[in-house]
C-alpha cells in the first residue's frame, strides 16, 4: 500500500507539472516524503524483529575488520564528509558475524548522523578483554545527550534529538541493544 500511495502521489505530481497549483505540489511532496519515512520505519521494525529471532551462528569474528568495513561503507556513501574513524585492531569475539556487522553498522551510522553539526566525524572503536568476553566501546564526538534519558535511547522510536541534530527513526540503537543482549 505504501508504494501505491507513493506511486499515486508521483503520478499526480507529474500530471500537475511544474506550473501546477503550488499547494497541491507541496502536499504531494509531503505525501511522498511521509510514505518514504514509513517504509523506512517498517524496514527498521523488520530488522529489529530479525535481530531478535534469527538463529545465532557463532564463529570467531574479527570485530575490527567489521568496524573498518562499516566505516568504509559510511565514507563511501558520504564522500564529501571529513571523517576520522579509528578502530583498535585485534578485537575478536565468538559471535554471529552477520548480527555483529549489523550492530556495528547501527552504532557507527548513529555516530555519523549525530556528528552532522560538527566540522568532521570523529569516532573511536575500542575494546577491552574481560572475563565475560569483550567490552566494546564506540565513542563519537557528536552532539551528545542528557544522561537522565539514557535508558530511553534503547527503546524503539524513542529519540532524544530532533531531525535537525541528526535523529533517525529511533530504531537503530534498539537493534544494536537486542544484538548485544543476544551475544
N, C-alpha and C. Protein backbone atom coordinates (compact mmCIF):
# COMPACT_ATOMS: atom_id res chain seq x y z
N UNK A 1 0.80 -1.22 0.00
CA UNK A 1 0.00 0.00 0.00
C UNK A 1 0.84 1.28 0.00
N UNK A 2 1.98 1.27 0.70
CA UNK A 2 2.80 2.47 0.72
C UNK A 2 3.35 2.79 -0.66
N UNK A 3 3.79 1.76 -1.38
CA UNK A 3 4.29 2.00 -2.73
C UNK A 3 3.18 2.53 -3.63
N UNK A 4 1.97 2.03 -3.43
CA UNK A 4 0.84 2.50 -4.23
C UNK A 4 0.55 3.97 -3.93
N UNK A 5 0.57 4.33 -2.65
CA UNK A 5 0.33 5.73 -2.26
C UNK A 5 1.39 6.62 -2.87
N UNK A 6 2.66 6.20 -2.75
CA UNK A 6 3.76 6.99 -3.30
C UNK A 6 3.65 7.08 -4.82
N UNK A 7 3.27 5.98 -5.46
CA UNK A 7 3.11 5.97 -6.91
C UNK A 7 1.99 6.91 -7.36
N UNK A 8 0.87 6.90 -6.64
CA UNK A 8 -0.24 7.80 -6.98
C UNK A 8 0.17 9.26 -6.80
N UNK A 9 0.88 9.55 -5.71
CA UNK A 9 1.33 10.92 -5.47
C UNK A 9 2.30 11.36 -6.57
N UNK A 10 3.18 10.48 -7.00
CA UNK A 10 4.13 10.82 -8.06
C UNK A 10 3.40 11.05 -9.38
N UNK A 11 2.41 10.20 -9.67
CA UNK A 11 1.64 10.35 -10.91
C UNK A 11 0.87 11.68 -10.91
N UNK A 12 0.23 12.00 -9.79
CA UNK A 12 -0.48 13.28 -9.69
C UNK A 12 0.47 14.47 -9.83
N UNK A 13 1.65 14.34 -9.24
CA UNK A 13 2.64 15.41 -9.33
C UNK A 13 3.07 15.62 -10.78
N UNK A 14 3.28 14.53 -11.51
CA UNK A 14 3.66 14.64 -12.93
C UNK A 14 2.52 15.27 -13.74
N UNK A 15 1.28 14.89 -13.41
CA UNK A 15 0.13 15.45 -14.14
C UNK A 15 -0.01 16.95 -13.89
N UNK A 16 0.29 17.37 -12.67
CA UNK A 16 0.21 18.79 -12.35
C UNK A 16 1.31 19.58 -13.06
N UNK A 17 2.47 18.95 -13.17
CA UNK A 17 3.59 19.61 -13.84
C UNK A 17 4.14 20.75 -13.01
N UNK A 18 5.16 21.39 -13.53
CA UNK A 18 5.84 22.49 -12.82
C UNK A 18 4.94 23.71 -12.66
N UNK A 19 3.96 23.86 -13.54
CA UNK A 19 3.09 25.03 -13.48
C UNK A 19 1.81 24.78 -12.68
N UNK A 20 1.73 23.60 -12.01
CA UNK A 20 0.52 23.26 -11.25
C UNK A 20 0.38 24.09 -9.99
N UNK A 21 -0.72 23.85 -9.29
CA UNK A 21 -1.02 24.53 -8.03
C UNK A 21 0.10 24.25 -7.02
N UNK A 22 0.74 25.29 -6.52
CA UNK A 22 1.89 25.15 -5.62
C UNK A 22 1.51 24.39 -4.35
N UNK A 23 0.34 24.65 -3.80
CA UNK A 23 -0.09 23.97 -2.56
C UNK A 23 -0.29 22.48 -2.82
N UNK A 24 -0.86 22.14 -3.97
CA UNK A 24 -1.07 20.73 -4.31
C UNK A 24 0.27 20.02 -4.50
N UNK A 25 1.19 20.67 -5.18
CA UNK A 25 2.51 20.08 -5.40
C UNK A 25 3.22 19.85 -4.07
N UNK A 26 3.13 20.83 -3.16
CA UNK A 26 3.73 20.70 -1.83
C UNK A 26 3.09 19.55 -1.05
N UNK A 27 1.79 19.42 -1.11
CA UNK A 27 1.09 18.34 -0.42
C UNK A 27 1.52 16.98 -0.97
N UNK A 28 1.63 16.87 -2.26
CA UNK A 28 2.07 15.61 -2.87
C UNK A 28 3.51 15.28 -2.47
N UNK A 29 4.35 16.29 -2.38
CA UNK A 29 5.73 16.07 -1.94
C UNK A 29 5.75 15.58 -0.49
N UNK A 30 4.89 16.14 0.35
CA UNK A 30 4.81 15.69 1.75
C UNK A 30 4.30 14.26 1.83
N UNK A 31 3.34 13.90 0.99
CA UNK A 31 2.83 12.52 0.95
C UNK A 31 3.96 11.57 0.58
N UNK A 32 4.73 11.92 -0.44
CA UNK A 32 5.85 11.07 -0.86
C UNK A 32 6.90 10.94 0.24
N UNK A 33 7.25 12.05 0.87
CA UNK A 33 8.26 12.02 1.93
C UNK A 33 7.77 11.20 3.13
N UNK A 34 6.50 11.33 3.46
CA UNK A 34 5.93 10.60 4.60
C UNK A 34 5.86 9.11 4.30
N UNK A 35 5.49 8.75 3.08
CA UNK A 35 5.43 7.32 2.75
C UNK A 35 6.84 6.73 2.74
N UNK A 36 7.84 7.49 2.31
CA UNK A 36 9.21 7.01 2.34
C UNK A 36 9.67 6.82 3.78
N UNK A 37 9.30 7.74 4.65
CA UNK A 37 9.67 7.62 6.07
C UNK A 37 8.99 6.39 6.69
N UNK A 38 7.72 6.17 6.36
CA UNK A 38 7.01 5.00 6.89
C UNK A 38 7.65 3.70 6.38
N UNK A 39 8.05 3.68 5.13
CA UNK A 39 8.73 2.50 4.59
C UNK A 39 10.03 2.24 5.35
N UNK A 40 10.75 3.31 5.67
CA UNK A 40 11.98 3.18 6.46
C UNK A 40 11.70 2.63 7.85
N UNK A 41 10.63 3.11 8.48
CA UNK A 41 10.25 2.60 9.80
C UNK A 41 9.90 1.12 9.74
N UNK A 42 9.19 0.74 8.71
CA UNK A 42 8.82 -0.68 8.57
C UNK A 42 10.06 -1.54 8.35
N UNK A 43 11.00 -1.05 7.54
CA UNK A 43 12.26 -1.78 7.35
C UNK A 43 13.00 -1.93 8.67
N UNK A 44 13.02 -0.85 9.46
CA UNK A 44 13.67 -0.90 10.76
C UNK A 44 13.02 -1.89 11.70
N UNK A 45 11.70 -1.93 11.71
CA UNK A 45 10.99 -2.89 12.56
C UNK A 45 11.27 -4.32 12.13
N UNK A 46 11.33 -4.55 10.82
CA UNK A 46 11.67 -5.89 10.33
C UNK A 46 13.08 -6.28 10.76
N UNK A 47 14.02 -5.33 10.67
CA UNK A 47 15.39 -5.61 11.09
C UNK A 47 15.46 -5.86 12.59
N UNK A 48 14.68 -5.13 13.37
CA UNK A 48 14.62 -5.34 14.82
C UNK A 48 14.08 -6.74 15.13
N UNK A 49 13.02 -7.14 14.43
CA UNK A 49 12.46 -8.48 14.64
C UNK A 49 13.46 -9.56 14.26
N UNK A 50 14.15 -9.38 13.13
CA UNK A 50 15.16 -10.36 12.71
C UNK A 50 16.29 -10.45 13.71
N UNK A 51 16.74 -9.31 14.22
CA UNK A 51 17.84 -9.29 15.18
C UNK A 51 17.51 -10.10 16.42
N UNK A 52 16.24 -10.11 16.79
CA UNK A 52 15.83 -10.83 17.99
C UNK A 52 15.45 -12.27 17.77
N UNK A 53 15.31 -12.68 16.51
CA UNK A 53 14.80 -14.03 16.28
C UNK A 53 15.66 -14.92 15.38
N UNK A 54 16.58 -14.34 14.63
CA UNK A 54 17.40 -15.14 13.73
C UNK A 54 18.28 -16.10 14.53
N UNK A 55 18.48 -17.29 13.98
CA UNK A 55 19.32 -18.28 14.65
C UNK A 55 20.77 -17.78 14.69
N UNK A 56 21.37 -17.85 15.86
CA UNK A 56 22.76 -17.43 16.00
C UNK A 56 23.67 -18.49 15.40
N UNK A 57 24.68 -18.01 14.66
CA UNK A 57 25.70 -18.89 14.07
C UNK A 57 27.06 -18.47 14.61
N UNK A 58 27.40 -18.95 15.81
CA UNK A 58 28.64 -18.50 16.42
C UNK A 58 29.89 -18.98 15.68
N UNK A 59 30.84 -18.07 15.56
CA UNK A 59 32.14 -18.36 14.96
C UNK A 59 33.11 -17.29 15.45
N UNK A 60 34.39 -17.48 15.18
CA UNK A 60 35.37 -16.45 15.52
C UNK A 60 35.16 -15.28 14.56
N UNK A 61 35.01 -14.07 15.13
CA UNK A 61 34.71 -12.88 14.33
C UNK A 61 35.76 -11.81 14.61
N UNK A 62 36.30 -11.25 13.56
CA UNK A 62 37.22 -10.13 13.65
C UNK A 62 36.39 -8.84 13.70
N UNK A 63 36.11 -8.36 14.89
CA UNK A 63 35.28 -7.17 15.09
C UNK A 63 35.96 -5.94 14.49
N UNK A 64 37.27 -5.88 14.56
CA UNK A 64 38.00 -4.75 13.99
C UNK A 64 37.76 -4.66 12.49
N UNK A 65 37.83 -5.80 11.82
CA UNK A 65 37.59 -5.84 10.38
C UNK A 65 36.17 -5.39 10.06
N UNK A 66 35.19 -5.87 10.83
CA UNK A 66 33.80 -5.47 10.60
C UNK A 66 33.61 -3.96 10.81
N UNK A 67 34.25 -3.42 11.85
CA UNK A 67 34.14 -1.98 12.11
C UNK A 67 34.77 -1.17 10.98
N UNK A 68 35.94 -1.61 10.50
CA UNK A 68 36.58 -0.94 9.36
C UNK A 68 35.68 -0.98 8.13
N UNK A 69 35.05 -2.12 7.90
CA UNK A 69 34.15 -2.31 6.76
C UNK A 69 32.96 -1.35 6.85
N UNK A 70 32.33 -1.29 8.03
CA UNK A 70 31.18 -0.39 8.23
C UNK A 70 31.60 1.07 8.05
N UNK A 71 32.77 1.42 8.56
CA UNK A 71 33.27 2.79 8.42
C UNK A 71 33.49 3.13 6.95
N UNK A 72 34.06 2.19 6.20
CA UNK A 72 34.29 2.41 4.76
C UNK A 72 32.97 2.59 4.02
N UNK A 73 31.96 1.82 4.39
CA UNK A 73 30.64 1.97 3.75
C UNK A 73 30.06 3.36 4.01
N UNK A 74 30.20 3.85 5.23
CA UNK A 74 29.70 5.19 5.56
C UNK A 74 30.45 6.25 4.77
N UNK A 75 31.76 6.11 4.68
CA UNK A 75 32.56 7.10 3.96
C UNK A 75 32.26 7.05 2.46
N UNK A 76 32.01 5.84 1.92
CA UNK A 76 31.65 5.73 0.51
C UNK A 76 30.30 6.37 0.22
N UNK A 77 29.37 6.26 1.17
CA UNK A 77 28.03 6.82 0.99
C UNK A 77 28.02 8.34 1.13
N UNK A 78 29.01 8.91 1.82
CA UNK A 78 29.07 10.35 2.05
C UNK A 78 30.51 10.83 1.88
N UNK A 79 31.04 10.74 0.64
CA UNK A 79 32.46 11.02 0.42
C UNK A 79 32.88 12.47 0.68
N UNK A 80 31.94 13.39 0.68
CA UNK A 80 32.28 14.79 0.92
C UNK A 80 32.49 15.12 2.38
N UNK A 81 32.20 14.20 3.24
CA UNK A 81 32.28 14.41 4.68
C UNK A 81 33.67 14.07 5.20
N UNK A 82 34.29 14.98 5.92
CA UNK A 82 35.59 14.67 6.53
C UNK A 82 35.34 13.76 7.73
N UNK A 83 36.07 12.66 7.80
CA UNK A 83 35.86 11.70 8.88
C UNK A 83 37.16 11.07 9.32
N UNK A 84 37.27 10.89 10.63
CA UNK A 84 38.38 10.14 11.22
C UNK A 84 37.74 9.07 12.08
N UNK A 85 37.83 7.84 11.61
CA UNK A 85 37.27 6.71 12.35
C UNK A 85 38.43 5.78 12.70
N UNK A 86 38.77 5.75 13.97
CA UNK A 86 39.89 4.94 14.45
C UNK A 86 39.35 3.66 15.06
N UNK A 87 39.86 2.53 14.57
CA UNK A 87 39.42 1.23 15.05
C UNK A 87 40.61 0.50 15.66
N UNK A 88 40.48 0.12 16.91
CA UNK A 88 41.52 -0.67 17.57
C UNK A 88 41.60 -2.02 16.86
N UNK A 89 42.77 -2.40 16.45
CA UNK A 89 42.94 -3.67 15.76
C UNK A 89 43.07 -4.82 16.76
N UNK A 90 42.73 -6.01 16.30
CA UNK A 90 42.86 -7.21 17.13
C UNK A 90 41.66 -7.52 18.00
N UNK A 91 40.53 -6.85 17.75
CA UNK A 91 39.32 -7.12 18.53
C UNK A 91 38.64 -8.35 17.92
N UNK A 92 38.59 -9.43 18.68
CA UNK A 92 37.97 -10.65 18.20
C UNK A 92 37.03 -11.20 19.26
N UNK A 93 35.95 -11.82 18.78
CA UNK A 93 34.97 -12.45 19.67
C UNK A 93 34.44 -13.71 18.99
N UNK A 94 33.75 -14.50 19.77
CA UNK A 94 32.95 -15.59 19.22
C UNK A 94 31.52 -15.05 19.17
N UNK A 95 30.95 -15.01 17.97
CA UNK A 95 29.61 -14.48 17.82
C UNK A 95 29.08 -14.69 16.42
N UNK A 96 27.92 -14.17 16.16
CA UNK A 96 27.30 -14.26 14.84
C UNK A 96 27.79 -13.07 14.00
N UNK A 97 28.55 -13.38 12.96
CA UNK A 97 29.18 -12.32 12.17
C UNK A 97 28.17 -11.37 11.54
N UNK A 98 27.07 -11.90 11.00
CA UNK A 98 26.06 -11.04 10.36
C UNK A 98 25.45 -10.08 11.36
N UNK A 99 25.10 -10.60 12.53
CA UNK A 99 24.48 -9.73 13.54
C UNK A 99 25.48 -8.72 14.09
N UNK A 100 26.72 -9.13 14.28
CA UNK A 100 27.71 -8.20 14.79
C UNK A 100 28.00 -7.09 13.77
N UNK A 101 27.97 -7.41 12.48
CA UNK A 101 28.13 -6.36 11.47
C UNK A 101 26.96 -5.39 11.54
N UNK A 102 25.75 -5.93 11.71
CA UNK A 102 24.57 -5.08 11.85
C UNK A 102 24.70 -4.18 13.07
N UNK A 103 25.15 -4.73 14.19
CA UNK A 103 25.33 -3.95 15.41
C UNK A 103 26.31 -2.81 15.16
N UNK A 104 27.46 -3.11 14.57
CA UNK A 104 28.46 -2.07 14.31
C UNK A 104 27.96 -1.04 13.31
N UNK A 105 27.24 -1.50 12.29
CA UNK A 105 26.70 -0.57 11.30
C UNK A 105 25.72 0.40 11.96
N UNK A 106 24.88 -0.11 12.85
CA UNK A 106 23.92 0.76 13.54
C UNK A 106 24.64 1.77 14.43
N UNK A 107 25.63 1.31 15.19
CA UNK A 107 26.34 2.21 16.09
C UNK A 107 27.14 3.26 15.34
N UNK A 108 27.83 2.85 14.28
CA UNK A 108 28.63 3.81 13.52
C UNK A 108 27.74 4.77 12.74
N UNK A 109 26.63 4.27 12.19
CA UNK A 109 25.69 5.16 11.48
C UNK A 109 25.13 6.19 12.45
N UNK A 110 24.84 5.77 13.66
CA UNK A 110 24.33 6.68 14.68
C UNK A 110 25.38 7.75 15.00
N UNK A 111 26.62 7.33 15.18
CA UNK A 111 27.70 8.29 15.46
C UNK A 111 27.87 9.25 14.29
N UNK A 112 27.77 8.75 13.07
CA UNK A 112 27.91 9.56 11.86
C UNK A 112 26.81 10.63 11.83
N UNK A 113 25.57 10.20 12.05
CA UNK A 113 24.44 11.13 12.00
C UNK A 113 24.54 12.21 13.07
N UNK A 114 24.92 11.82 14.29
CA UNK A 114 24.94 12.79 15.38
C UNK A 114 26.19 13.64 15.39
N UNK A 115 27.01 13.47 14.37
CA UNK A 115 28.16 14.36 14.17
C UNK A 115 27.89 15.32 13.03
N UNK A 116 26.65 15.36 12.56
CA UNK A 116 26.29 16.18 11.39
C UNK A 116 26.59 17.66 11.59
N UNK A 117 26.49 18.15 12.82
CA UNK A 117 26.71 19.57 13.07
C UNK A 117 28.18 19.89 13.34
N UNK A 118 29.02 18.87 13.36
CA UNK A 118 30.45 19.05 13.60
C UNK A 118 31.18 19.19 12.27
N UNK A 119 32.34 19.86 12.28
CA UNK A 119 33.08 20.01 11.02
C UNK A 119 33.57 18.68 10.45
N UNK A 120 33.77 17.69 11.33
CA UNK A 120 34.15 16.37 10.85
C UNK A 120 33.62 15.30 11.79
N UNK A 121 33.47 14.12 11.26
CA UNK A 121 33.06 12.97 12.06
C UNK A 121 34.31 12.42 12.73
N UNK A 122 34.23 12.19 14.03
CA UNK A 122 35.36 11.61 14.75
C UNK A 122 34.81 10.50 15.65
N UNK A 123 35.25 9.27 15.38
CA UNK A 123 34.74 8.10 16.09
C UNK A 123 35.91 7.19 16.44
N UNK A 124 35.84 6.61 17.63
CA UNK A 124 36.81 5.60 18.04
C UNK A 124 36.06 4.32 18.39
N UNK A 125 36.58 3.21 17.92
CA UNK A 125 36.05 1.89 18.27
C UNK A 125 37.16 1.18 19.02
N UNK A 126 36.90 0.87 20.29
CA UNK A 126 37.90 0.22 21.13
C UNK A 126 37.26 -0.93 21.88
N UNK A 127 38.10 -1.76 22.45
CA UNK A 127 37.58 -2.87 23.23
C UNK A 127 38.55 -3.28 24.31
N UNK A 128 38.00 -3.87 25.36
CA UNK A 128 38.79 -4.38 26.47
C UNK A 128 38.35 -5.80 26.74
N UNK A 129 39.32 -6.71 26.77
CA UNK A 129 39.03 -8.10 27.07
C UNK A 129 38.71 -8.23 28.55
N UNK A 130 37.60 -8.91 28.87
CA UNK A 130 37.19 -9.16 30.26
C UNK A 130 36.97 -10.65 30.44
N UNK A 131 36.67 -11.06 31.66
CA UNK A 131 36.40 -12.47 31.93
C UNK A 131 35.14 -12.92 31.17
N UNK A 132 34.23 -11.98 30.92
CA UNK A 132 32.97 -12.32 30.24
C UNK A 132 33.06 -12.19 28.72
N UNK A 133 34.15 -11.68 28.20
CA UNK A 133 34.26 -11.52 26.75
C UNK A 133 34.96 -10.23 26.39
N UNK A 134 34.31 -9.44 25.56
CA UNK A 134 34.88 -8.19 25.08
C UNK A 134 33.92 -7.05 25.38
N UNK A 135 34.40 -6.04 26.09
CA UNK A 135 33.63 -4.81 26.29
C UNK A 135 33.97 -3.90 25.13
N UNK A 136 33.03 -3.71 24.24
CA UNK A 136 33.24 -2.91 23.04
C UNK A 136 32.70 -1.51 23.26
N UNK A 137 33.48 -0.50 22.85
CA UNK A 137 33.07 0.89 23.02
C UNK A 137 33.15 1.58 21.66
N UNK A 138 32.05 2.24 21.29
CA UNK A 138 32.02 3.09 20.11
C UNK A 138 31.78 4.50 20.63
N UNK A 139 32.80 5.34 20.53
CA UNK A 139 32.73 6.70 21.09
C UNK A 139 32.79 7.71 19.95
N UNK A 140 31.83 8.62 19.95
CA UNK A 140 31.86 9.67 18.93
C UNK A 140 31.98 11.03 19.61
N UNK A 141 32.18 12.04 18.80
CA UNK A 141 32.30 13.41 19.30
C UNK A 141 31.16 14.25 18.73
N UNK A 142 29.97 13.66 18.77
CA UNK A 142 28.79 14.31 18.22
C UNK A 142 28.10 15.21 19.23
N UNK A 143 26.80 15.39 19.06
CA UNK A 143 26.06 16.36 19.86
C UNK A 143 25.85 15.94 21.30
N UNK A 144 25.98 14.65 21.61
CA UNK A 144 25.80 14.20 22.98
C UNK A 144 24.33 14.15 23.38
N UNK A 145 24.09 13.80 24.64
CA UNK A 145 22.72 13.70 25.14
C UNK A 145 22.73 13.83 26.65
N UNK A 146 21.56 14.07 27.20
CA UNK A 146 21.39 14.18 28.64
C UNK A 146 21.30 12.77 29.22
N UNK A 147 22.24 12.41 30.11
CA UNK A 147 22.29 11.06 30.68
C UNK A 147 21.01 10.69 31.44
N UNK A 148 20.23 11.66 31.85
CA UNK A 148 18.98 11.36 32.54
C UNK A 148 18.02 10.57 31.65
N UNK A 149 18.21 10.66 30.34
CA UNK A 149 17.33 9.98 29.39
C UNK A 149 18.02 8.81 28.68
N UNK A 150 19.16 8.37 29.19
CA UNK A 150 19.95 7.33 28.52
C UNK A 150 19.16 6.04 28.29
N UNK A 151 18.36 5.62 29.24
CA UNK A 151 17.62 4.36 29.10
C UNK A 151 16.63 4.41 27.94
N UNK A 152 16.10 5.58 27.65
CA UNK A 152 15.13 5.72 26.55
C UNK A 152 15.76 5.48 25.19
N UNK A 153 17.07 5.71 25.09
CA UNK A 153 17.74 5.58 23.79
C UNK A 153 17.64 4.19 23.21
N UNK A 154 17.48 3.18 24.06
CA UNK A 154 17.47 1.81 23.59
C UNK A 154 16.08 1.28 23.31
N UNK A 155 15.06 2.11 23.49
CA UNK A 155 13.69 1.72 23.20
C UNK A 155 13.33 2.15 21.78
N UNK A 156 12.64 1.27 21.04
CA UNK A 156 12.25 1.66 19.67
C UNK A 156 11.43 2.95 19.65
N UNK A 157 11.71 3.78 18.67
CA UNK A 157 11.01 5.03 18.39
C UNK A 157 11.26 6.14 19.41
N UNK A 158 12.17 5.90 20.35
CA UNK A 158 12.49 6.94 21.33
C UNK A 158 13.69 7.72 20.82
N UNK A 159 13.50 8.99 20.59
CA UNK A 159 14.59 9.84 20.11
C UNK A 159 14.84 10.93 21.13
N UNK A 160 16.11 11.23 21.33
CA UNK A 160 16.47 12.29 22.27
C UNK A 160 16.80 13.59 21.57
N UNK A 161 16.82 13.56 20.25
CA UNK A 161 17.17 14.74 19.46
C UNK A 161 16.17 14.88 18.32
N UNK A 162 16.11 16.07 17.78
CA UNK A 162 15.28 16.32 16.61
C UNK A 162 16.03 15.98 15.33
N UNK A 163 15.31 15.98 14.23
CA UNK A 163 15.92 15.65 12.95
C UNK A 163 17.00 16.65 12.55
N UNK A 164 16.90 17.88 13.02
CA UNK A 164 17.93 18.88 12.70
C UNK A 164 19.27 18.56 13.35
N UNK A 165 19.27 17.70 14.38
CA UNK A 165 20.51 17.31 15.05
C UNK A 165 20.99 15.94 14.58
N UNK A 166 20.28 15.33 13.63
CA UNK A 166 20.71 14.06 13.08
C UNK A 166 19.88 12.86 13.48
N UNK A 167 18.79 13.07 14.23
CA UNK A 167 18.00 11.94 14.70
C UNK A 167 17.42 11.15 13.53
N UNK A 168 17.43 9.85 13.69
CA UNK A 168 16.86 8.97 12.68
C UNK A 168 15.46 8.55 13.08
N UNK A 169 15.18 7.27 12.91
CA UNK A 169 13.84 6.77 13.19
C UNK A 169 13.67 6.23 14.60
N UNK A 170 14.74 6.21 15.37
CA UNK A 170 14.63 5.73 16.75
C UNK A 170 14.64 4.22 16.86
N UNK A 171 15.14 3.52 15.86
CA UNK A 171 15.16 2.06 15.90
C UNK A 171 16.59 1.51 15.94
N UNK A 172 17.56 2.23 15.40
CA UNK A 172 18.92 1.73 15.27
C UNK A 172 19.56 1.27 16.56
N UNK A 173 19.48 2.08 17.62
CA UNK A 173 20.09 1.68 18.88
C UNK A 173 19.32 0.53 19.54
N UNK A 174 18.02 0.44 19.28
CA UNK A 174 17.24 -0.69 19.80
C UNK A 174 17.71 -1.98 19.14
N UNK A 175 17.99 -1.92 17.83
CA UNK A 175 18.51 -3.09 17.12
C UNK A 175 19.87 -3.49 17.70
N UNK A 176 20.75 -2.51 17.87
CA UNK A 176 22.07 -2.78 18.44
C UNK A 176 21.96 -3.39 19.83
N UNK A 177 21.04 -2.89 20.64
CA UNK A 177 20.85 -3.41 22.00
C UNK A 177 20.37 -4.85 21.99
N UNK A 178 19.45 -5.17 21.11
CA UNK A 178 18.96 -6.56 21.01
C UNK A 178 20.11 -7.50 20.62
N UNK A 179 20.90 -7.08 19.64
CA UNK A 179 22.02 -7.92 19.19
C UNK A 179 23.06 -8.08 20.31
N UNK A 180 23.39 -7.00 21.00
CA UNK A 180 24.35 -7.09 22.10
C UNK A 180 23.81 -8.01 23.19
N UNK A 181 22.53 -7.89 23.50
CA UNK A 181 21.92 -8.75 24.51
C UNK A 181 21.95 -10.22 24.15
N UNK A 182 21.78 -10.52 22.89
CA UNK A 182 21.81 -11.91 22.43
C UNK A 182 23.22 -12.49 22.49
N UNK A 183 24.22 -11.63 22.42
CA UNK A 183 25.59 -12.12 22.49
C UNK A 183 26.08 -12.16 23.92
